Amino acid sequence: MIKDILLVAAGGAAGSVARYLLSRALHDTPLGSFPVGTMTANILGCLAIGLVCGLSAGANPPVGHSLKLLLTVGFCGGFTTFSTFMNESLTLCKAGDALLAAVYVGASVALGLAAVAGGLLISKLYQQ
């Protein structure tokens, strides 16, 4: 248990630093205010989690439990939680739960936007 926590912590720290550096590197782009750093992190995180999950499946996977934990929950979780969200959505689709996947995606996006708006509203009330 402690080993798993340390793996997640180390991966999360590395993922957070990687996201910061990526965002800094892509900050001054010709796209103006478009969040290219965040989008790039999300897409790369999705690619990484798909690769790691694929390499950890099967009878004799090249990626074992500890490395999977370090890279998925840890690194990808620190880099972007979007990758986990997409992986869970795809898992629901592959299990034949397309309707549940659609509800999960739609509700997550709608409620996420509402939560951000709510947080901004609460902060404005706090500042008055």
Protein backbone atom coordinates (compact mmCIF):
# COMPACT_ATOMS: atom_id res chain seq x y z
CA MET A 1 0.00 0.00 0.00
CA ILE A 2 2.74 2.51 0.91
CA LYS A 3 4.70 1.49 -2.19
CA ASP A 4 1.65 2.15 -4.37
CA ILE A 5 1.10 5.56 -2.76
CA LEU A 6 4.75 6.50 -3.37
CA LEU A 7 4.51 5.36 -7.00
CA VAL A 8 1.40 7.47 -7.56
CA ALA A 9 3.00 10.46 -5.81
CA ALA A 10 6.20 10.23 -7.85
CA GLY A 11 4.32 9.81 -11.12
CA GLY A 12 1.93 12.63 -10.24
CA ALA A 13 4.80 14.99 -9.47
CA ALA A 14 6.51 14.14 -12.76
CA GLY A 15 3.25 14.53 -14.69
CA SER A 16 2.51 17.90 -13.11
CA VAL A 17 5.99 19.19 -13.93
CA ALA A 18 5.70 17.87 -17.50
CA ARG A 19 2.35 19.63 -17.92
CA TYR A 20 3.79 22.89 -16.59
CA LEU A 21 6.79 22.71 -18.91
CA LEU A 22 4.60 21.83 -21.90
CA SER A 23 2.24 24.72 -21.19
CA ARG A 24 5.18 27.11 -20.85
CA ALA A 25 6.71 25.86 -24.11
CA LEU A 26 3.42 26.33 -26.00
CA HIS A 27 2.32 29.55 -24.28
CA ASP A 28 3.28 32.00 -27.02
CA THR A 29 1.60 30.50 -30.05
CA PRO A 30 -0.02 32.25 -32.99
CA LEU A 31 -3.39 30.86 -31.84
CA GLY A 32 -3.87 33.68 -29.36
CA SER A 33 -6.01 32.79 -26.36
CA PHE A 34 -6.75 29.22 -27.51
CA PRO A 35 -5.53 26.88 -24.73
CA VAL A 36 -3.17 24.89 -26.95
CA GLY A 37 -1.05 23.73 -23.99
CA THR A 38 -4.01 22.21 -22.20
CA MET A 39 -5.36 20.59 -25.35
CA THR A 40 -1.94 19.17 -26.19
CA ALA A 41 -1.56 17.78 -22.65
CA ASN A 42 -5.01 16.21 -22.85
CA ILE A 43 -4.35 14.53 -26.20
CA LEU A 44 -0.86 13.33 -25.20
CA GLY A 45 -2.26 12.06 -21.90
CA CYS A 46 -4.92 10.11 -23.77
CA LEU A 47 -2.29 8.61 -26.05
CA ALA A 48 -0.09 7.69 -23.08
CA ILE A 49 -2.85 6.08 -21.01
CA GLY A 50 -4.06 4.09 -24.02
CA LEU A 51 -0.54 2.87 -24.71
CA VAL A 52 0.15 1.90 -21.10
CA CYS A 53 -3.23 0.18 -20.65
CA GLY A 54 -2.68 -1.74 -23.87
CA LEU A 55 0.81 -2.79 -22.82
CA SER A 56 -0.42 -3.92 -19.41
CA ALA A 57 -3.12 -6.23 -20.75
CA GLY A 58 -2.89 -9.91 -21.63
CA ALA A 59 -1.20 -12.96 -20.19
CA ASN A 60 2.42 -11.73 -20.01
CA PRO A 61 2.24 -7.96 -20.33
CA PRO A 62 5.45 -5.97 -20.74
CA VAL A 63 4.08 -3.37 -18.31
CA GLY A 64 3.40 -4.70 -14.81
CA HIS A 65 1.11 -3.42 -12.07
CA SER A 66 3.62 -1.07 -10.43
CA LEU A 67 4.70 0.59 -13.67
CA LYS A 68 1.07 0.87 -14.80
CA LEU A 69 0.16 2.54 -11.51
CA LEU A 70 3.12 4.93 -11.77
CA LEU A 71 2.31 5.89 -15.35
CA THR A 72 -1.51 5.94 -15.40
CA VAL A 73 -2.76 7.06 -11.99
CA GLY A 74 0.49 8.88 -11.24
CA PHE A 75 1.97 10.48 -14.36
CA CYS A 76 -1.18 10.72 -16.48
CA GLY A 77 -3.18 11.81 -13.43
CA GLY A 78 -0.71 14.63 -12.77
CA PHE A 79 -0.37 15.46 -16.45
CA THR A 80 -4.11 15.42 -17.15
CA THR A 81 -7.17 13.75 -15.69
CA PHE A 82 -8.74 14.02 -19.13
CA SER A 83 -6.89 10.88 -20.16
CA THR A 84 -8.53 8.90 -17.35
CA PHE A 85 -11.92 10.37 -18.27
CA MET A 86 -11.49 9.31 -21.90
CA ASN A 87 -10.20 5.86 -20.94
CA GLU A 88 -13.21 5.27 -18.68
CA SER A 89 -15.55 6.49 -21.42
CA LEU A 90 -14.00 4.11 -23.95
CA THR A 91 -14.17 1.25 -21.43
CA LEU A 92 -17.91 1.85 -21.07
CA CYS A 93 -18.30 1.85 -24.88
CA LYS A 94 -16.28 -1.35 -25.29
CA ALA A 95 -18.43 -3.01 -22.61
CA GLY A 96 -21.50 -2.27 -24.72
CA ASP A 97 -22.69 0.59 -22.53
CA ALA A 98 -22.78 3.30 -25.22
CA LEU A 99 -25.74 5.05 -23.62
CA LEU A 100 -24.06 5.07 -20.21
CA ALA A 101 -20.85 6.34 -21.85
CA ALA A 102 -22.78 9.16 -23.53
CA VAL A 103 -24.44 10.09 -20.23
CA TYR A 104 -21.04 10.01 -18.48
CA VAL A 105 -19.40 12.22 -21.11
CA GLY A 106 -22.31 14.64 -21.40
CA ALA A 107 -22.88 14.93 -17.68
CA SER A 108 -19.16 15.32 -16.95
CA VAL A 109 -18.80 18.14 -19.45
CA ALA A 110 -22.03 19.91 -18.49
CA LEU A 111 -21.53 19.53 -14.74
CA GLY A 112 -17.84 20.43 -15.05
CA LEU A 113 -18.70 23.68 -16.82
CA ALA A 114 -21.42 24.39 -14.26
CA ALA A 115 -19.00 23.70 -11.40
CA VAL A 116 -16.38 26.07 -12.81
CA ALA A 117 -19.06 28.75 -13.24
CA GLY A 118 -20.29 28.07 -9.71
CA GLY A 119 -16.79 28.34 -8.31
CA LEU A 120 -16.30 31.67 -10.07
CA LEU A 121 -19.64 32.91 -8.70
CA ILE A 122 -18.75 31.83 -5.15
CA SER A 123 -15.39 33.57 -5.44
CA LYS A 124 -17.09 36.81 -6.55
CA LEU A 125 -19.51 36.60 -3.60
CA TYR A 126 -16.58 36.02 -1.27
CA GLN A 127 -14.75 39.08 -2.62
CA GLN A 128 -17.68 41.45 -2.02
